Amino acid sequence: MKYLTSRTNTLAFTLLVSLGLTGCPSLFAQDSHSPVRLDADKMAGINLTSVPNNYEDILIDGTMNVRVGTLFDGNEIDVSIFESTGDGTTSHRDLPFRFEEFVYVLSGKLILMEPDGTRHEFTPGEGVVVPIGYVGDWSMEGTYRELVVTMNGNAGFRD
């Protein structure tokens, strides 16, 4: 997805958060076998953490003001909130996805445009799986917010 770029900066930020050096709470793998309720405030865009814009190298239109929130950092999956304002479009034509990602749109609109011009639009309440190797443009309109599920360590951001 859009946070696949600038992996060094993103990984550095992830490390800072994991070490507790940013002042932001972090969720780590659960020691309990009890169900984990997802934070409704974060899903509504409340108490998300602003992060640096690490997308300059793939941003092809608009701007991106990014905020994130970790909902669950498990042993096998990560569940996070990604929010962007600024109607940004990123291009993944030269940087194919390196992992599978499940996205559930919470607000705004997601438009995935394949190189052949095929356009896929997703609005609140709709989900999509973006497969390994996806290439194309990724546009986010309005206050775009998504719930993201990836295999542990692949999301590329933490709050």
C-alpha atoms as a PDB file:
ATOM      1  CA  MET A   1       0.000   0.000   0.000  1.00  0.00           C
ATOM      2  CA  LYS A   2       1.038   3.614   0.236  1.00  0.00           C
ATOM      3  CA  TYR A   3       3.288   3.002   3.215  1.00  0.00           C
ATOM      4  CA  LEU A   4       5.645   0.655   1.430  1.00  0.00           C
ATOM      5  CA  THR A   5       8.056   3.431   0.558  1.00  0.00           C
ATOM      6  CA  SER A   6      10.885   4.888   2.561  1.00  0.00           C
ATOM      7  CA  ARG A   7      11.157   1.603   4.445  1.00  0.00           C
ATOM      8  CA  THR A   8      14.203   2.872   6.336  1.00  0.00           C
ATOM      9  CA  ASN A   9      12.318   5.852   7.788  1.00  0.00           C
ATOM     10  CA  THR A  10       9.243   3.755   8.459  1.00  0.00           C
ATOM     11  CA  LEU A  11      11.232   0.982  10.125  1.00  0.00           C
ATOM     12  CA  ALA A  12      13.100   3.555  12.224  1.00  0.00           C
ATOM     13  CA  PHE A  13       9.796   5.062  13.347  1.00  0.00           C
ATOM     14  CA  THR A  14       8.459   1.568  14.115  1.00  0.00           C
ATOM     15  CA  LEU A  15      11.524   0.845  16.220  1.00  0.00           C
ATOM     16  CA  LEU A  16      11.136   4.118  18.149  1.00  0.00           C
ATOM     17  CA  VAL A  17       7.515   3.330  18.907  1.00  0.00           C
ATOM     18  CA  SER A  18       8.296  -0.255  19.859  1.00  0.00           C
ATOM     19  CA  LEU A  19      10.920   0.996  22.292  1.00  0.00           C
ATOM     20  CA  GLY A  20       8.483   3.538  23.702  1.00  0.00           C
ATOM     21  CA  LEU A  21      10.626   6.499  22.640  1.00  0.00           C
ATOM     22  CA  THR A  22       7.869   8.521  20.994  1.00  0.00           C
ATOM     23  CA  GLY A  23       5.620   8.896  24.019  1.00  0.00           C
ATOM     24  CA  CYS A  24       2.897   6.942  22.194  1.00  0.00           C
ATOM     25  CA  PRO A  25       1.407   3.812  23.713  1.00  0.00           C
ATOM     26  CA  SER A  26       2.130   0.681  21.725  1.00  0.00           C
ATOM     27  CA  LEU A  27       0.308  -2.642  21.671  1.00  0.00           C
ATOM     28  CA  PHE A  28       2.411  -5.749  21.550  1.00  0.00           C
ATOM     29  CA  ALA A  29       1.533  -9.386  21.022  1.00  0.00           C
ATOM     30  CA  GLN A  30      -1.162 -10.424  23.427  1.00  0.00           C
ATOM     31  CA  ASP A  31      -0.152 -12.761  26.255  1.00  0.00           C
ATOM     32  CA  SER A  32      -3.775 -13.684  26.877  1.00  0.00           C
ATOM     33  CA  HIS A  33      -5.933 -16.029  24.844  1.00  0.00           C
ATOM     34  CA  SER A  34      -8.985 -13.813  25.375  1.00  0.00           C
ATOM     35  CA  PRO A  35     -10.635 -11.952  22.487  1.00  0.00           C
ATOM     36  CA  VAL A  36      -9.346  -8.420  21.922  1.00  0.00           C
ATOM     37  CA  ARG A  37     -11.957  -5.711  21.393  1.00  0.00           C
ATOM     38  CA  LEU A  38     -10.862  -3.195  18.764  1.00  0.00           C
ATOM     39  CA  ASP A  39     -10.676   0.440  19.923  1.00  0.00           C
ATOM     40  CA  ALA A  40     -13.844   2.130  18.607  1.00  0.00           C
ATOM     41  CA  ASP A  41     -12.355   5.602  19.121  1.00  0.00           C
ATOM     42  CA  LYS A  42      -9.389   4.839  16.866  1.00  0.00           C
ATOM     43  CA  MET A  43     -11.719   3.309  14.290  1.00  0.00           C
ATOM     44  CA  ALA A  44     -13.658   6.610  14.377  1.00  0.00           C
ATOM     45  CA  GLY A  45     -10.445   8.595  13.865  1.00  0.00           C
ATOM     46  CA  ILE A  46     -10.078   9.694  17.507  1.00  0.00           C
ATOM     47  CA  ASN A  47      -6.673   9.522  19.215  1.00  0.00           C
ATOM     48  CA  LEU A  48      -4.735   8.580  16.085  1.00  0.00           C
ATOM     49  CA  THR A  49      -1.059   9.507  15.916  1.00  0.00           C
ATOM     50  CA  SER A  50       0.294  11.836  13.219  1.00  0.00           C
ATOM     51  CA  VAL A  51       3.278  10.371  11.432  1.00  0.00           C
ATOM     52  CA  PRO A  52       5.848  11.892   9.063  1.00  0.00           C
ATOM     53  CA  ASN A  53       4.962  11.825   5.370  1.00  0.00           C
ATOM     54  CA  ASN A  54       7.245   9.075   4.073  1.00  0.00           C
ATOM     55  CA  TYR A  55       5.507   8.836   0.722  1.00  0.00           C
ATOM     56  CA  GLU A  56       7.209  11.596  -1.285  1.00  0.00           C
ATOM     57  CA  ASP A  57       8.884   9.132  -3.627  1.00  0.00           C
ATOM     58  CA  ILE A  58       5.549   7.608  -4.731  1.00  0.00           C
ATOM     59  CA  LEU A  59       3.167  10.555  -4.219  1.00  0.00           C
ATOM     60  CA  ILE A  60       2.109  11.630  -7.722  1.00  0.00           C
ATOM     61  CA  ASP A  61      -0.813  13.971  -6.923  1.00  0.00           C
ATOM     62  CA  GLY A  62      -2.287  15.858  -3.975  1.00  0.00           C
ATOM     63  CA  THR A  63      -0.959  15.724  -0.451  1.00  0.00           C
ATOM     64  CA  MET A  64      -1.057  13.211   2.357  1.00  0.00           C
ATOM     65  CA  ASN A  65      -1.497  14.102   6.013  1.00  0.00           C
ATOM     66  CA  VAL A  66      -1.217  10.728   7.686  1.00  0.00           C
ATOM     67  CA  ARG A  67      -2.386   9.497  11.085  1.00  0.00           C
ATOM     68  CA  VAL A  68      -2.267   5.900  12.306  1.00  0.00           C
ATOM     69  CA  GLY A  69      -3.389   3.770  15.216  1.00  0.00           C
ATOM     70  CA  THR A  70      -2.451   0.241  16.212  1.00  0.00           C
ATOM     71  CA  LEU A  71      -5.473  -1.841  17.184  1.00  0.00           C
ATOM     72  CA  PHE A  72      -3.695  -5.165  17.616  1.00  0.00           C
ATOM     73  CA  ASP A  73      -0.070  -6.236  17.247  1.00  0.00           C
ATOM     74  CA  GLY A  74      -0.278  -9.997  17.427  1.00  0.00           C
ATOM     75  CA  ASN A  75       2.044 -12.898  16.925  1.00  0.00           C
ATOM     76  CA  GLU A  76       0.802 -13.459  13.378  1.00  0.00           C
ATOM     77  CA  ILE A  77      -1.301 -10.442  12.320  1.00  0.00           C
ATOM     78  CA  ASP A  78      -1.294  -6.685  12.761  1.00  0.00           C
ATOM     79  CA  VAL A  79      -4.550  -4.718  12.770  1.00  0.00           C
ATOM     80  CA  SER A  80      -4.211  -0.968  12.323  1.00  0.00           C
ATOM     81  CA  ILE A  81      -6.031   2.185  11.323  1.00  0.00           C
ATOM     82  CA  PHE A  82      -4.556   4.307   8.516  1.00  0.00           C
ATOM     83  CA  GLU A  83      -6.003   7.759   7.839  1.00  0.00           C
ATOM     84  CA  SER A  84      -5.034  10.265   5.166  1.00  0.00           C
ATOM     85  CA  THR A  85      -6.391  13.676   4.308  1.00  0.00           C
ATOM     86  CA  GLY A  86      -5.365  15.711   1.294  1.00  0.00           C
ATOM     87  CA  ASP A  87      -6.711  13.595  -1.573  1.00  0.00           C
ATOM     88  CA  GLY A  88      -3.325  12.015  -2.265  1.00  0.00           C
ATOM     89  CA  THR A  89      -2.535   9.581  -5.060  1.00  0.00           C
ATOM     90  CA  THR A  90       0.416   7.228  -4.789  1.00  0.00           C
ATOM     91  CA  SER A  91       1.844   5.108  -7.569  1.00  0.00           C
ATOM     92  CA  HIS A  92       2.941   1.529  -7.072  1.00  0.00           C
ATOM     93  CA  ARG A  93       3.818   0.948 -10.728  1.00  0.00           C
ATOM     94  CA  ASP A  94       7.536   0.757  -9.935  1.00  0.00           C
ATOM     95  CA  LEU A  95       7.140  -0.671  -6.431  1.00  0.00           C
ATOM     96  CA  PRO A  96       4.823  -3.707  -6.449  1.00  0.00           C
ATOM     97  CA  PHE A  97       3.248  -4.772  -3.163  1.00  0.00           C
ATOM     98  CA  ARG A  98       5.523  -7.128  -1.254  1.00  0.00           C
ATOM     99  CA  PHE A  99       2.787  -8.665   0.913  1.00  0.00           C
ATOM    100  CA  GLU A 100      -0.949  -9.246   0.993  1.00  0.00           C
ATOM    101  CA  GLU A 101      -3.132  -6.673   2.696  1.00  0.00           C
ATOM    102  CA  PHE A 102      -6.788  -6.663   3.720  1.00  0.00           C
ATOM    103  CA  VAL A 103      -8.363  -3.190   3.701  1.00  0.00           C
ATOM    104  CA  TYR A 104     -11.805  -2.267   5.063  1.00  0.00           C
ATOM    105  CA  VAL A 105     -12.812   1.311   4.181  1.00  0.00           C
ATOM    106  CA  LEU A 106     -14.184   3.250   7.160  1.00  0.00           C
ATOM    107  CA  SER A 107     -14.510   6.724   5.600  1.00  0.00           C
ATOM    108  CA  GLY A 108     -13.718   8.542   2.368  1.00  0.00           C
ATOM    109  CA  LYS A 109     -13.139   6.702  -0.882  1.00  0.00           C
ATOM    110  CA  LEU A 110     -10.354   4.421  -2.109  1.00  0.00           C
ATOM    111  CA  ILE A 111      -9.709   4.181  -5.845  1.00  0.00           C
ATOM    112  CA  LEU A 112      -7.291   1.575  -7.182  1.00  0.00           C
ATOM    113  CA  MET A 113      -6.354   2.142 -10.818  1.00  0.00           C
ATOM    114  CA  GLU A 114      -4.591  -0.649 -12.669  1.00  0.00           C
ATOM    115  CA  PRO A 115      -2.066   0.186 -15.416  1.00  0.00           C
ATOM    116  CA  ASP A 116      -4.585  -0.894 -18.102  1.00  0.00           C
ATOM    117  CA  GLY A 117      -7.076   1.727 -16.812  1.00  0.00           C
ATOM    118  CA  THR A 118      -9.306  -0.650 -14.860  1.00  0.00           C
ATOM    119  CA  ARG A 119     -10.716   1.354 -11.969  1.00  0.00           C
ATOM    120  CA  HIS A 120     -11.850  -0.146  -8.640  1.00  0.00           C
ATOM    121  CA  GLU A 121     -13.711   2.116  -6.174  1.00  0.00           C
ATOM    122  CA  PHE A 122     -14.289   1.274  -2.526  1.00  0.00           C
ATOM    123  CA  THR A 123     -16.471   3.277  -0.143  1.00  0.00           C
ATOM    124  CA  PRO A 124     -17.252   2.902   3.583  1.00  0.00           C
ATOM    125  CA  GLY A 125     -18.364  -0.594   4.454  1.00  0.00           C
ATOM    126  CA  GLU A 126     -16.494  -2.219   1.559  1.00  0.00           C
ATOM    127  CA  GLY A 127     -13.363  -4.314   1.809  1.00  0.00           C
ATOM    128  CA  VAL A 128     -10.628  -5.375  -0.568  1.00  0.00           C
ATOM    129  CA  VAL A 129      -7.626  -7.680  -0.482  1.00  0.00           C
ATOM    130  CA  VAL A 130      -4.620  -6.210  -2.246  1.00  0.00           C
ATOM    131  CA  PRO A 131      -2.426  -9.125  -3.367  1.00  0.00           C
ATOM    132  CA  ILE A 132       1.322  -9.480  -3.484  1.00  0.00           C
ATOM    133  CA  GLY A 133       2.600  -7.961  -6.721  1.00  0.00           C
ATOM    134  CA  TYR A 134      -0.178  -5.359  -7.125  1.00  0.00           C
ATOM    135  CA  VAL A 135       0.927  -2.481  -9.334  1.00  0.00           C
ATOM    136  CA  GLY A 136      -1.070   0.635 -10.095  1.00  0.00           C
ATOM    137  CA  ASP A 137      -2.205   3.903  -8.550  1.00  0.00           C
ATOM    138  CA  TRP A 138      -3.820   4.234  -5.153  1.00  0.00           C
ATOM    139  CA  SER A 139      -6.023   7.325  -4.626  1.00  0.00           C
ATOM    140  CA  MET A 140      -7.644   8.345  -1.361  1.00  0.00           C
ATOM    141  CA  GLU A 141     -10.433  10.931  -1.396  1.00  0.00           C
ATOM    142  CA  GLY A 142     -11.824  12.976   1.477  1.00  0.00           C
ATOM    143  CA  THR A 143     -10.909  12.039   5.016  1.00  0.00           C
ATOM    144  CA  TYR A 144      -9.887   8.557   4.032  1.00  0.00           C
ATOM    145  CA  ARG A 145      -9.683   6.025   6.860  1.00  0.00           C
ATOM    146  CA  GLU A 146      -9.189   2.285   6.601  1.00  0.00           C
ATOM    147  CA  LEU A 147      -8.813  -0.703   8.869  1.00  0.00           C
ATOM    148  CA  VAL A 148      -5.786  -2.670   7.691  1.00  0.00           C
ATOM    149  CA  VAL A 149      -4.869  -6.289   8.414  1.00  0.00           C
ATOM    150  CA  THR A 150      -1.432  -7.576   7.437  1.00  0.00           C
ATOM    151  CA  MET A 151       0.838 -10.381   8.516  1.00  0.00           C
ATOM    152  CA  ASN A 152       2.874  -9.329  11.545  1.00  0.00           C
ATOM    153  CA  GLY A 153       5.520  -6.721  10.800  1.00  0.00           C
ATOM    154  CA  ASN A 154       4.388  -5.909   7.254  1.00  0.00           C
ATOM    155  CA  ALA A 155       2.178  -2.857   7.832  1.00  0.00           C
ATOM    156  CA  GLY A 156       5.146  -0.488   7.772  1.00  0.00           C
ATOM    157  CA  PHE A 157       3.716   1.879  10.382  1.00  0.00           C
ATOM    158  CA  ARG A 158       2.904   2.000  14.061  1.00  0.00           C
ATOM    159  CA  ASP A 159       1.427   4.658  16.284  1.00  0.00           C
END
